Amino acid sequence: MLTDTLLAKKIMFPAELKILKDGEFQDTNQNLKNANHLRIISIVDGACMKCIINQLNYTDIAFSSFTRKDKDLIFILNVSSNDSSFFMNNLYPSIETKSLILWDNNFNFERTNKLFTSDLNLRTFMIDSNNYIIHYGNPVMNPEEINTYKQKYLKHIK
């Protein structure tokens, strides 16, 4: 039997991440590291229009019925330094979320947390108030996942 090494993994937010809001970069704050509530994180390839539309925007829609977007849904946007101008001019206008977007220009989040994978099912997950992964799965690829996320989320906030 294989051990699920993703569940119960502690997630850290590296200092190199920047908040992307209204086309500007802001430093992340301490509240991001120690937020006393559940959060859903989705890692997205920011240099890919299909990923912005099919992953970021659709994931945002999937969670919009029950999360507080400004606090509970976080997108880690991987955009290399070489692609940043192209992204800001051509892809950023396609983002339709008010959720928190963390700009990662060097895979800092994935490197720090040892989360490198091309499996889209492993790139969206929920962390508890102590930053441990308690559920993972991609609701865009598997729509039934949204029910599990919603159940865990609503159980926690009651």
Protein backbone atom coordinates (compact mmCIF):
# COMPACT_ATOMS: atom_id res chain seq x y z
CA MET A 1 0.00 0.00 0.00
CA LEU A 2 1.31 3.43 -0.94
CA THR A 3 1.49 6.12 1.72
CA ASP A 4 -0.15 9.40 0.80
CA THR A 5 2.69 11.85 1.40
CA LEU A 6 0.70 14.93 0.39
CA LEU A 7 -1.89 14.71 3.16
CA ALA A 8 -0.63 16.17 6.44
CA LYS A 9 2.26 17.94 4.67
CA LYS A 10 2.96 21.36 6.20
CA ILE A 11 2.89 24.24 3.72
CA MET A 12 5.11 27.29 4.00
CA PHE A 13 4.78 30.58 2.15
CA PRO A 14 8.25 31.74 1.09
CA ALA A 15 9.09 35.42 1.52
CA GLU A 16 9.86 35.69 -2.21
CA LEU A 17 6.16 35.49 -3.10
CA LYS A 18 4.49 38.79 -3.95
CA ILE A 19 0.82 39.65 -3.92
CA LEU A 20 -0.39 40.64 -7.40
CA LYS A 21 -3.28 43.05 -7.03
CA ASP A 22 -4.59 45.59 -9.53
CA GLY A 23 -1.52 45.09 -11.72
CA GLU A 24 0.92 45.89 -8.91
CA PHE A 25 3.12 43.81 -6.64
CA GLN A 26 2.85 44.01 -2.87
CA ASP A 27 4.81 42.26 -0.17
CA THR A 28 3.09 39.33 1.50
CA ASN A 29 2.21 39.93 5.10
CA GLN A 30 2.50 37.87 8.25
CA ASN A 31 -1.25 37.10 8.21
CA LEU A 32 -0.66 34.91 5.17
CA LYS A 33 1.68 32.71 7.17
CA ASN A 34 -0.48 32.46 10.28
CA ALA A 35 -4.08 32.83 9.20
CA ASN A 36 -6.29 30.95 11.65
CA HIS A 37 -8.65 29.46 9.08
CA LEU A 38 -8.89 26.98 6.21
CA ARG A 39 -7.53 28.05 2.85
CA ILE A 40 -7.61 26.54 -0.61
CA ILE A 41 -4.50 26.84 -2.74
CA SER A 42 -4.20 26.27 -6.46
CA ILE A 43 -0.89 26.39 -8.33
CA VAL A 44 -1.28 27.77 -11.87
CA ASP A 45 1.10 28.18 -14.81
CA GLY A 46 0.83 31.89 -15.47
CA ALA A 47 2.54 31.79 -18.86
CA CYS A 48 -0.28 29.76 -20.39
CA MET A 49 -3.58 31.31 -21.51
CA LYS A 50 -5.34 27.94 -21.33
CA CYS A 51 -4.16 27.57 -17.72
CA ILE A 52 -5.39 31.04 -16.78
CA ILE A 53 -8.83 30.43 -18.25
CA ASN A 54 -9.32 26.69 -17.64
CA GLN A 55 -7.56 26.44 -14.31
CA LEU A 56 -7.51 29.78 -12.50
CA ASN A 57 -10.82 31.26 -13.64
CA TYR A 58 -12.78 27.99 -13.51
CA THR A 59 -11.31 27.06 -10.12
CA ASP A 60 -12.35 30.47 -8.84
CA ILE A 61 -15.88 29.89 -10.13
CA ALA A 62 -16.01 26.42 -8.58
CA PHE A 63 -15.20 27.75 -5.10
CA SER A 64 -17.08 31.05 -5.34
CA SER A 65 -20.32 29.74 -3.85
CA PHE A 66 -18.87 29.07 -0.40
CA THR A 67 -15.48 30.76 0.13
CA ARG A 68 -14.49 34.26 1.09
CA LYS A 69 -12.38 34.93 -2.00
CA ASP A 70 -10.20 37.61 -0.46
CA LYS A 71 -9.10 35.30 2.38
CA ASP A 72 -9.77 31.66 1.63
CA LEU A 73 -8.78 31.07 -1.98
CA ILE A 74 -5.15 31.59 -2.98
CA PHE A 75 -3.65 31.16 -6.42
CA ILE A 76 0.09 30.62 -6.73
CA LEU A 77 0.88 32.02 -10.16
CA ASN A 78 4.11 30.70 -11.66
CA VAL A 79 5.50 33.23 -14.12
CA SER A 80 9.21 33.24 -14.89
CA SER A 81 11.02 36.57 -14.95
CA ASN A 82 11.48 36.17 -18.71
CA ASP A 83 7.71 35.82 -19.22
CA SER A 84 6.58 38.56 -16.85
CA SER A 85 6.19 41.32 -19.46
CA PHE A 86 4.26 39.02 -21.78
CA PHE A 87 2.06 37.92 -18.90
CA MET A 88 1.24 41.45 -17.70
CA ASN A 89 0.44 42.68 -21.22
CA ASN A 90 -1.37 39.66 -22.65
CA LEU A 91 -2.55 37.24 -19.97
CA TYR A 92 -3.20 39.28 -16.82
CA PRO A 93 -6.27 40.99 -18.36
CA SER A 94 -7.86 37.51 -18.72
CA ILE A 95 -7.85 36.85 -14.97
CA GLU A 96 -11.37 37.20 -13.58
CA THR A 97 -10.85 36.57 -9.88
CA LYS A 98 -10.87 38.74 -6.77
CA SER A 99 -9.10 35.96 -4.87
CA LEU A 100 -5.57 36.37 -3.58
CA ILE A 101 -2.94 35.89 -6.29
CA LEU A 102 0.62 35.22 -5.20
CA TRP A 103 3.24 35.87 -7.89
CA ASP A 104 6.02 33.31 -7.95
CA ASN A 105 8.75 34.06 -10.47
CA ASN A 106 11.08 31.17 -9.60
CA PHE A 107 8.96 28.23 -8.40
CA ASN A 108 9.74 29.28 -4.81
CA PHE A 109 6.46 27.90 -3.44
CA GLU A 110 6.84 24.51 -5.09
CA ARG A 111 10.55 24.29 -4.28
CA THR A 112 10.09 25.22 -0.61
CA ASN A 113 7.22 22.76 -0.17
CA LYS A 114 8.60 20.03 -2.47
CA LEU A 115 5.43 20.10 -4.57
CA PHE A 116 6.80 19.82 -8.10
CA THR A 117 4.33 17.83 -10.15
CA SER A 118 2.62 18.06 -13.50
CA ASP A 119 -0.41 16.20 -12.11
CA LEU A 120 -3.14 18.86 -12.04
CA ASN A 121 -5.05 16.83 -9.46
CA LEU A 122 -2.26 17.49 -6.93
CA ARG A 123 -1.95 21.21 -7.63
CA THR A 124 -5.15 22.27 -5.82
CA PHE A 125 -5.46 21.54 -2.11
CA MET A 126 -6.93 22.71 1.19
CA ILE A 127 -4.82 23.58 4.22
CA ASP A 128 -5.99 23.84 7.80
CA SER A 129 -5.32 26.72 10.22
CA ASN A 130 -1.85 25.28 10.92
CA ASN A 131 -0.99 25.08 7.20
CA TYR A 132 -1.25 21.28 6.92
CA ILE A 133 -2.82 19.82 3.78
CA ILE A 134 -6.11 18.17 4.70
CA HIS A 135 -7.53 17.56 1.23
CA TYR A 136 -6.44 17.74 -2.37
CA GLY A 137 -8.02 17.32 -5.77
CA ASN A 138 -8.91 19.40 -8.76
CA PRO A 139 -12.61 20.35 -8.98
CA VAL A 140 -12.17 21.47 -12.59
CA MET A 141 -11.00 18.00 -13.64
CA ASN A 142 -13.25 16.14 -11.20
CA PRO A 143 -16.39 18.18 -10.37
CA GLU A 144 -17.32 15.86 -7.48
CA GLU A 145 -14.29 17.21 -5.57
CA ILE A 146 -16.09 20.48 -4.95
CA ASN A 147 -18.54 18.68 -2.64
CA THR A 148 -15.71 17.40 -0.44
CA TYR A 149 -14.10 20.84 -0.28
CA LYS A 150 -17.43 22.46 0.57
CA GLN A 151 -18.19 19.90 3.27
CA LYS A 152 -14.79 20.37 4.95
CA TYR A 153 -14.97 24.15 4.63
CA LEU A 154 -18.47 24.50 6.06
CA LYS A 155 -17.70 22.07 8.88
CA HIS A 156 -14.73 24.20 9.88
CA ILE A 157 -16.49 27.57 9.93
CA LYS A 158 -19.45 26.40 12.06
